[in-house]
Amino acid sequence: MIEFFVFFQSRLLEIGTLTLEHIELTGIAMCMAIVTGVPAGIILTRYKESSSVVLGLVSIIQTIPSLALLGFMIPLFGIGAKPAVIVLFLYALLPIIRNTFTGIEGVESALIEAGRGMGMTNFQLLHMVELPLALPVIMAGIRTSTVINVGITTLCALIGAGGLGQLIFRGISMVNANMILAGAIPAALLALFLDYLLGQMEKLLSPKGLKISI
């Protein structure tokens, strides 16, 4: 352990730089997935007959090994951050779309009817009733996608996208356990930290005293 801490301290600047790259790749992909996935989930609640088809198509992406998908992107987009972000975006979609759809569908019909009785428009119902009540479920999908993406981002180093995966794969090639741990431990801590941070955001944003039945 002492040897690892000495190694970690000697590479602190490099680890910090790679961690920022890791956060940037994950953050860009997650922002794209949220902006796309939440509206898509809302639209599916209005066109339920299409929901199984759309969710099925998005689910297919999850069945493709991440290394294979990264390799498939190279002929299309080259190497670097661009193909990595696209792959991360695709992997993040399913939990967000599915949880948005499930959360809004789980809002009690009595609450919807009460809102209509008060003269609310469809947009007002969505903004003031459905989304606030579905928020815990939606945030659970976002948290799941974020944690998954932090892990997949380590593989993106294989196509020159940067991130903590560089240390992991360099350590594997050099049979250097300290270098592998220097990449793996910060990645794991980053996933835990982002999950905690999103959990705190969920508590702040969730309406108090309201419950959703799913």
C-alpha atoms as a PDB file:
ATOM      1  CA  MET A   1       0.000   0.000   0.000  1.00  0.00           C
ATOM      2  CA  ILE A   2       2.844   2.377   0.803  1.00  0.00           C
ATOM      3  CA  GLU A   3       4.309   1.750  -2.640  1.00  0.00           C
ATOM      4  CA  PHE A   4       0.911   2.548  -4.212  1.00  0.00           C
ATOM      5  CA  PHE A   5       0.529   5.821  -2.296  1.00  0.00           C
ATOM      6  CA  VAL A   6       4.028   6.885  -3.327  1.00  0.00           C
ATOM      7  CA  PHE A   7       3.210   6.067  -6.949  1.00  0.00           C
ATOM      8  CA  PHE A   8      -0.153   7.849  -6.686  1.00  0.00           C
ATOM      9  CA  GLN A   9       1.480  10.975  -5.286  1.00  0.00           C
ATOM     10  CA  SER A  10       4.123  10.992  -8.008  1.00  0.00           C
ATOM     11  CA  ARG A  11       1.404  10.871 -10.704  1.00  0.00           C
ATOM     12  CA  LEU A  12      -1.047  13.195  -8.984  1.00  0.00           C
ATOM     13  CA  LEU A  13      -1.031  15.860 -11.708  1.00  0.00           C
ATOM     14  CA  GLU A  14      -1.536  13.294 -14.475  1.00  0.00           C
ATOM     15  CA  ILE A  15      -4.334  11.572 -12.546  1.00  0.00           C
ATOM     16  CA  GLY A  16      -6.047  14.916 -11.981  1.00  0.00           C
ATOM     17  CA  THR A  17      -5.870  15.772 -15.695  1.00  0.00           C
ATOM     18  CA  LEU A  18      -7.209  12.367 -16.736  1.00  0.00           C
ATOM     19  CA  THR A  19      -9.996  12.622 -14.150  1.00  0.00           C
ATOM     20  CA  LEU A  20     -11.094  15.944 -15.654  1.00  0.00           C
ATOM     21  CA  GLU A  21     -11.097  14.341 -19.109  1.00  0.00           C
ATOM     22  CA  HIS A  22     -13.164  11.483 -17.702  1.00  0.00           C
ATOM     23  CA  ILE A  23     -15.684  13.907 -16.202  1.00  0.00           C
ATOM     24  CA  GLU A  24     -15.860  15.904 -19.432  1.00  0.00           C
ATOM     25  CA  LEU A  25     -16.605  12.857 -21.594  1.00  0.00           C
ATOM     26  CA  THR A  26     -19.218  11.548 -19.172  1.00  0.00           C
ATOM     27  CA  GLY A  27     -20.763  14.975 -18.619  1.00  0.00           C
ATOM     28  CA  ILE A  28     -21.187  15.817 -22.303  1.00  0.00           C
ATOM     29  CA  ALA A  29     -22.723  12.428 -23.068  1.00  0.00           C
ATOM     30  CA  MET A  30     -25.080  12.627 -20.074  1.00  0.00           C
ATOM     31  CA  CYS A  31     -26.267  16.139 -20.965  1.00  0.00           C
ATOM     32  CA  MET A  32     -27.029  14.941 -24.496  1.00  0.00           C
ATOM     33  CA  ALA A  33     -28.825  11.861 -23.158  1.00  0.00           C
ATOM     34  CA  ILE A  34     -30.941  13.862 -20.688  1.00  0.00           C
ATOM     35  CA  VAL A  35     -31.911  16.468 -23.287  1.00  0.00           C
ATOM     36  CA  THR A  36     -32.896  13.676 -25.676  1.00  0.00           C
ATOM     37  CA  GLY A  37     -34.142  10.958 -23.330  1.00  0.00           C
ATOM     38  CA  VAL A  38     -36.499  12.881 -21.056  1.00  0.00           C
ATOM     39  CA  PRO A  39     -38.513  14.459 -23.930  1.00  0.00           C
ATOM     40  CA  ALA A  40     -38.532  11.073 -25.694  1.00  0.00           C
ATOM     41  CA  GLY A  41     -39.944   9.409 -22.580  1.00  0.00           C
ATOM     42  CA  ILE A  42     -42.617  12.108 -22.300  1.00  0.00           C
ATOM     43  CA  ILE A  43     -43.589  11.703 -25.954  1.00  0.00           C
ATOM     44  CA  LEU A  44     -43.923   7.928 -25.494  1.00  0.00           C
ATOM     45  CA  THR A  45     -46.502   8.475 -22.744  1.00  0.00           C
ATOM     46  CA  ARG A  46     -48.625  10.339 -25.315  1.00  0.00           C
ATOM     47  CA  TYR A  47     -48.150   7.635 -27.975  1.00  0.00           C
ATOM     48  CA  LYS A  48     -48.214   4.464 -25.900  1.00  0.00           C
ATOM     49  CA  GLU A  49     -48.687   2.199 -28.908  1.00  0.00           C
ATOM     50  CA  SER A  50     -45.158   3.102 -30.018  1.00  0.00           C
ATOM     51  CA  SER A  51     -43.521   2.726 -26.598  1.00  0.00           C
ATOM     52  CA  SER A  52     -42.719  -0.992 -26.810  1.00  0.00           C
ATOM     53  CA  VAL A  53     -41.139  -0.580 -30.249  1.00  0.00           C
ATOM     54  CA  VAL A  54     -39.011   2.431 -29.272  1.00  0.00           C
ATOM     55  CA  LEU A  55     -37.921   0.960 -25.934  1.00  0.00           C
ATOM     56  CA  GLY A  56     -37.120  -2.315 -27.681  1.00  0.00           C
ATOM     57  CA  LEU A  57     -34.931  -0.573 -30.246  1.00  0.00           C
ATOM     58  CA  VAL A  58     -33.080   1.393 -27.570  1.00  0.00           C
ATOM     59  CA  SER A  59     -32.673  -1.801 -25.528  1.00  0.00           C
ATOM     60  CA  ILE A  60     -30.825  -3.436 -28.419  1.00  0.00           C
ATOM     61  CA  ILE A  61     -27.973  -0.964 -27.912  1.00  0.00           C
ATOM     62  CA  GLN A  62     -27.488  -2.291 -24.374  1.00  0.00           C
ATOM     63  CA  THR A  63     -26.947  -5.803 -25.740  1.00  0.00           C
ATOM     64  CA  ILE A  64     -24.019  -4.709 -27.925  1.00  0.00           C
ATOM     65  CA  PRO A  65     -20.660  -5.082 -26.129  1.00  0.00           C
ATOM     66  CA  SER A  66     -19.181  -1.649 -25.507  1.00  0.00           C
ATOM     67  CA  LEU A  67     -15.846  -2.588 -27.085  1.00  0.00           C
ATOM     68  CA  ALA A  68     -17.617  -3.719 -30.251  1.00  0.00           C
ATOM     69  CA  LEU A  69     -19.642  -0.509 -30.431  1.00  0.00           C
ATOM     70  CA  LEU A  70     -16.524   1.593 -29.924  1.00  0.00           C
ATOM     71  CA  GLY A  71     -14.808  -0.322 -32.710  1.00  0.00           C
ATOM     72  CA  PHE A  72     -17.801   0.159 -34.985  1.00  0.00           C
ATOM     73  CA  MET A  73     -17.635   3.940 -34.481  1.00  0.00           C
ATOM     74  CA  ILE A  74     -14.002   4.250 -35.611  1.00  0.00           C
ATOM     75  CA  PRO A  75     -14.695   3.911 -39.388  1.00  0.00           C
ATOM     76  CA  LEU A  76     -17.606   6.341 -39.058  1.00  0.00           C
ATOM     77  CA  PHE A  77     -16.165   9.050 -36.791  1.00  0.00           C
ATOM     78  CA  GLY A  78     -12.463   8.285 -36.440  1.00  0.00           C
ATOM     79  CA  ILE A  79     -10.743   8.152 -33.067  1.00  0.00           C
ATOM     80  CA  GLY A  80     -10.836  10.511 -30.121  1.00  0.00           C
ATOM     81  CA  ALA A  81     -13.568  12.104 -28.038  1.00  0.00           C
ATOM     82  CA  LYS A  82     -16.284  12.330 -30.714  1.00  0.00           C
ATOM     83  CA  PRO A  83     -16.970   8.597 -31.182  1.00  0.00           C
ATOM     84  CA  ALA A  84     -16.573   8.079 -27.432  1.00  0.00           C
ATOM     85  CA  VAL A  85     -19.259  10.650 -26.617  1.00  0.00           C
ATOM     86  CA  ILE A  86     -21.618   9.123 -29.187  1.00  0.00           C
ATOM     87  CA  VAL A  87     -21.209   5.647 -27.676  1.00  0.00           C
ATOM     88  CA  LEU A  88     -21.690   6.954 -24.134  1.00  0.00           C
ATOM     89  CA  PHE A  89     -24.779   8.859 -25.271  1.00  0.00           C
ATOM     90  CA  LEU A  90     -26.297   5.714 -26.786  1.00  0.00           C
ATOM     91  CA  TYR A  91     -25.653   3.655 -23.656  1.00  0.00           C
ATOM     92  CA  ALA A  92     -27.184   6.341 -21.428  1.00  0.00           C
ATOM     93  CA  LEU A  93     -30.468   6.586 -23.340  1.00  0.00           C
ATOM     94  CA  LEU A  94     -32.328   3.462 -22.207  1.00  0.00           C
ATOM     95  CA  PRO A  95     -32.485   4.052 -18.420  1.00  0.00           C
ATOM     96  CA  ILE A  96     -33.475   7.691 -18.926  1.00  0.00           C
ATOM     97  CA  ILE A  97     -36.181   7.057 -21.537  1.00  0.00           C
ATOM     98  CA  ARG A  98     -37.585   4.032 -19.713  1.00  0.00           C
ATOM     99  CA  ASN A  99     -37.647   5.700 -16.291  1.00  0.00           C
ATOM    100  CA  THR A 100     -39.217   8.873 -17.675  1.00  0.00           C
ATOM    101  CA  PHE A 101     -41.925   6.820 -19.367  1.00  0.00           C
ATOM    102  CA  THR A 102     -42.477   4.633 -16.289  1.00  0.00           C
ATOM    103  CA  GLY A 103     -42.472   7.575 -13.886  1.00  0.00           C
ATOM    104  CA  ILE A 104     -45.060   9.595 -15.762  1.00  0.00           C
ATOM    105  CA  GLU A 105     -47.195   6.510 -16.434  1.00  0.00           C
ATOM    106  CA  GLY A 106     -47.122   5.804 -12.683  1.00  0.00           C
ATOM    107  CA  VAL A 107     -48.752   9.102 -11.719  1.00  0.00           C
ATOM    108  CA  GLU A 108     -52.181   8.343 -10.268  1.00  0.00           C
ATOM    109  CA  SER A 109     -54.986   9.001 -12.713  1.00  0.00           C
ATOM    110  CA  ALA A 110     -57.006  10.633  -9.927  1.00  0.00           C
ATOM    111  CA  LEU A 111     -54.419  13.399  -9.690  1.00  0.00           C
ATOM    112  CA  ILE A 112     -54.552  13.941 -13.448  1.00  0.00           C
ATOM    113  CA  GLU A 113     -58.333  14.149 -13.381  1.00  0.00           C
ATOM    114  CA  ALA A 114     -58.208  16.553 -10.437  1.00  0.00           C
ATOM    115  CA  GLY A 115     -55.868  18.780 -12.428  1.00  0.00           C
ATOM    116  CA  ARG A 116     -58.161  18.704 -15.432  1.00  0.00           C
ATOM    117  CA  GLY A 117     -61.058  19.559 -13.166  1.00  0.00           C
ATOM    118  CA  MET A 118     -59.162  22.656 -12.068  1.00  0.00           C
ATOM    119  CA  GLY A 119     -58.876  23.733 -15.706  1.00  0.00           C
ATOM    120  CA  MET A 120     -55.216  22.825 -16.264  1.00  0.00           C
ATOM    121  CA  THR A 121     -53.960  22.476 -19.821  1.00  0.00           C
ATOM    122  CA  ASN A 122     -51.940  19.443 -20.912  1.00  0.00           C
ATOM    123  CA  PHE A 123     -48.734  21.445 -20.589  1.00  0.00           C
ATOM    124  CA  GLN A 124     -49.673  22.615 -17.090  1.00  0.00           C
ATOM    125  CA  LEU A 125     -50.466  19.048 -16.066  1.00  0.00           C
ATOM    126  CA  LEU A 126     -47.095  17.904 -17.335  1.00  0.00           C
ATOM    127  CA  HIS A 127     -45.170  20.761 -15.754  1.00  0.00           C
ATOM    128  CA  MET A 128     -47.012  21.003 -12.435  1.00  0.00           C
ATOM    129  CA  VAL A 129     -48.222  17.467 -11.747  1.00  0.00           C
ATOM    130  CA  GLU A 130     -46.663  14.692 -13.822  1.00  0.00           C
ATOM    131  CA  LEU A 131     -43.009  15.731 -13.951  1.00  0.00           C
ATOM    132  CA  PRO A 132     -42.722  16.694 -10.251  1.00  0.00           C
ATOM    133  CA  LEU A 133     -44.275  13.388  -9.185  1.00  0.00           C
ATOM    134  CA  ALA A 134     -42.210  11.357 -11.647  1.00  0.00           C
ATOM    135  CA  LEU A 135     -38.955  13.135 -10.778  1.00  0.00           C
ATOM    136  CA  PRO A 136     -37.626  10.504  -8.309  1.00  0.00           C
ATOM    137  CA  VAL A 137     -38.042   7.782 -10.947  1.00  0.00           C
ATOM    138  CA  ILE A 138     -36.499   9.952 -13.679  1.00  0.00           C
ATOM    139  CA  MET A 139     -33.548  10.826 -11.443  1.00  0.00           C
ATOM    140  CA  ALA A 140     -33.029   7.132 -10.692  1.00  0.00           C
ATOM    141  CA  GLY A 141     -32.617   6.544 -14.426  1.00  0.00           C
ATOM    142  CA  ILE A 142     -30.171   9.428 -14.730  1.00  0.00           C
ATOM    143  CA  ARG A 143     -28.148   8.135 -11.787  1.00  0.00           C
ATOM    144  CA  THR A 144     -28.033   4.644 -13.284  1.00  0.00           C
ATOM    145  CA  SER A 145     -26.894   5.992 -16.650  1.00  0.00           C
ATOM    146  CA  THR A 146     -24.226   8.153 -15.023  1.00  0.00           C
ATOM    147  CA  VAL A 147     -22.682   5.298 -13.041  1.00  0.00           C
ATOM    148  CA  ILE A 148     -22.723   3.020 -16.103  1.00  0.00           C
ATOM    149  CA  ASN A 149     -21.120   5.705 -18.243  1.00  0.00           C
ATOM    150  CA  VAL A 150     -18.303   6.368 -15.792  1.00  0.00           C
ATOM    151  CA  GLY A 151     -17.350   2.718 -16.165  1.00  0.00           C
ATOM    152  CA  ILE A 152     -17.694   2.623 -19.948  1.00  0.00           C
ATOM    153  CA  THR A 153     -15.656   5.822 -20.277  1.00  0.00           C
ATOM    154  CA  THR A 154     -12.593   3.903 -19.076  1.00  0.00           C
ATOM    155  CA  LEU A 155     -12.847   1.773 -22.234  1.00  0.00           C
ATOM    156  CA  CYS A 156     -12.907   4.898 -24.407  1.00  0.00           C
ATOM    157  CA  ALA A 157      -9.166   5.268 -23.801  1.00  0.00           C
ATOM    158  CA  LEU A 158      -8.740   2.457 -26.330  1.00  0.00           C
ATOM    159  CA  ILE A 159      -9.844   4.812 -29.123  1.00  0.00           C
ATOM    160  CA  GLY A 160      -7.773   7.769 -27.944  1.00  0.00           C
ATOM    161  CA  ALA A 161     -10.516   9.601 -26.050  1.00  0.00           C
ATOM    162  CA  GLY A 162      -8.472  10.043 -22.868  1.00  0.00           C
ATOM    163  CA  GLY A 163      -9.733   9.586 -19.339  1.00  0.00           C
ATOM    164  CA  LEU A 164      -8.641   7.354 -16.498  1.00  0.00           C
ATOM    165  CA  GLY A 165      -8.741   4.305 -18.748  1.00  0.00           C
ATOM    166  CA  GLN A 166      -5.361   5.394 -20.101  1.00  0.00           C
ATOM    167  CA  LEU A 167      -3.733   4.516 -16.792  1.00  0.00           C
ATOM    168  CA  ILE A 168      -5.613   1.229 -16.551  1.00  0.00           C
ATOM    169  CA  PHE A 169      -4.655  -0.023 -20.000  1.00  0.00           C
ATOM    170  CA  ARG A 170      -1.107   1.290 -19.705  1.00  0.00           C
ATOM    171  CA  GLY A 171      -0.813  -0.548 -16.408  1.00  0.00           C
ATOM    172  CA  ILE A 172      -2.134  -3.755 -17.989  1.00  0.00           C
ATOM    173  CA  SER A 173       0.364  -3.551 -20.849  1.00  0.00           C
ATOM    174  CA  MET A 174       3.225  -2.895 -18.421  1.00  0.00           C
ATOM    175  CA  VAL A 175       1.949  -5.384 -15.810  1.00  0.00           C
ATOM    176  CA  ASN A 176       1.997  -2.531 -13.298  1.00  0.00           C
ATOM    177  CA  ALA A 177      -0.623  -3.043 -10.559  1.00  0.00           C
ATOM    178  CA  ASN A 178      -0.022   0.416  -9.069  1.00  0.00           C
ATOM    179  CA  MET A 179      -0.790   2.090 -12.383  1.00  0.00           C
ATOM    180  CA  ILE A 180      -3.958   0.015 -12.837  1.00  0.00           C
ATOM    181  CA  LEU A 181      -5.152   0.980  -9.353  1.00  0.00           C
ATOM    182  CA  ALA A 182      -4.266   4.632  -9.982  1.00  0.00           C
ATOM    183  CA  GLY A 183      -6.831   4.616 -12.786  1.00  0.00           C
ATOM    184  CA  ALA A 184      -9.412   2.215 -11.346  1.00  0.00           C
ATOM    185  CA  ILE A 185      -9.757   3.689  -7.861  1.00  0.00           C
ATOM    186  CA  PRO A 186     -10.398   7.309  -8.977  1.00  0.00           C
ATOM    187  CA  ALA A 187     -12.912   6.007 -11.551  1.00  0.00           C
ATOM    188  CA  ALA A 188     -14.782   4.050  -8.881  1.00  0.00           C
ATOM    189  CA  LEU A 189     -14.722   7.003  -6.468  1.00  0.00           C
ATOM    190  CA  LEU A 190     -15.941   9.297  -9.246  1.00  0.00           C
ATOM    191  CA  ALA A 191     -18.913   7.013  -9.922  1.00  0.00           C
ATOM    192  CA  LEU A 192     -19.804   6.942  -6.222  1.00  0.00           C
ATOM    193  CA  PHE A 193     -19.430  10.712  -5.892  1.00  0.00           C
ATOM    194  CA  LEU A 194     -21.604  11.484  -8.931  1.00  0.00           C
ATOM    195  CA  ASP A 195     -24.269   9.043  -7.719  1.00  0.00           C
ATOM    196  CA  TYR A 196     -24.282  10.746  -4.308  1.00  0.00           C
ATOM    197  CA  LEU A 197     -24.370  14.209  -5.872  1.00  0.00           C
ATOM    198  CA  LEU A 198     -27.327  13.312  -8.100  1.00  0.00           C
ATOM    199  CA  GLY A 199     -29.053  11.761  -5.094  1.00  0.00           C
ATOM    200  CA  GLN A 200     -28.741  15.038  -3.199  1.00  0.00           C
ATOM    201  CA  MET A 201     -30.060  16.945  -6.226  1.00  0.00           C
ATOM    202  CA  GLU A 202     -33.035  14.584  -6.319  1.00  0.00           C
ATOM    203  CA  LYS A 203     -33.834  15.348  -2.678  1.00  0.00           C
ATOM    204  CA  LEU A 204     -33.663  19.086  -3.326  1.00  0.00           C
ATOM    205  CA  LEU A 205     -35.816  18.965  -6.454  1.00  0.00           C
ATOM    206  CA  SER A 206     -38.425  16.427  -5.338  1.00  0.00           C
ATOM    207  CA  PRO A 207     -41.700  17.931  -4.098  1.00  0.00           C
ATOM    208  CA  LYS A 208     -42.187  17.366  -0.376  1.00  0.00           C
ATOM    209  CA  GLY A 209     -45.075  15.277   0.804  1.00  0.00           C
ATOM    210  CA  LEU A 210     -45.927  13.868  -2.631  1.00  0.00           C
ATOM    211  CA  LYS A 211     -45.813  10.208  -3.518  1.00  0.00           C
ATOM    212  CA  ILE A 212     -45.880   8.374  -6.803  1.00  0.00           C
ATOM    213  CA  SER A 213     -47.262   4.898  -7.294  1.00  0.00           C
ATOM    214  CA  ILE A 214     -45.641   2.709  -9.891  1.00  0.00           C
END
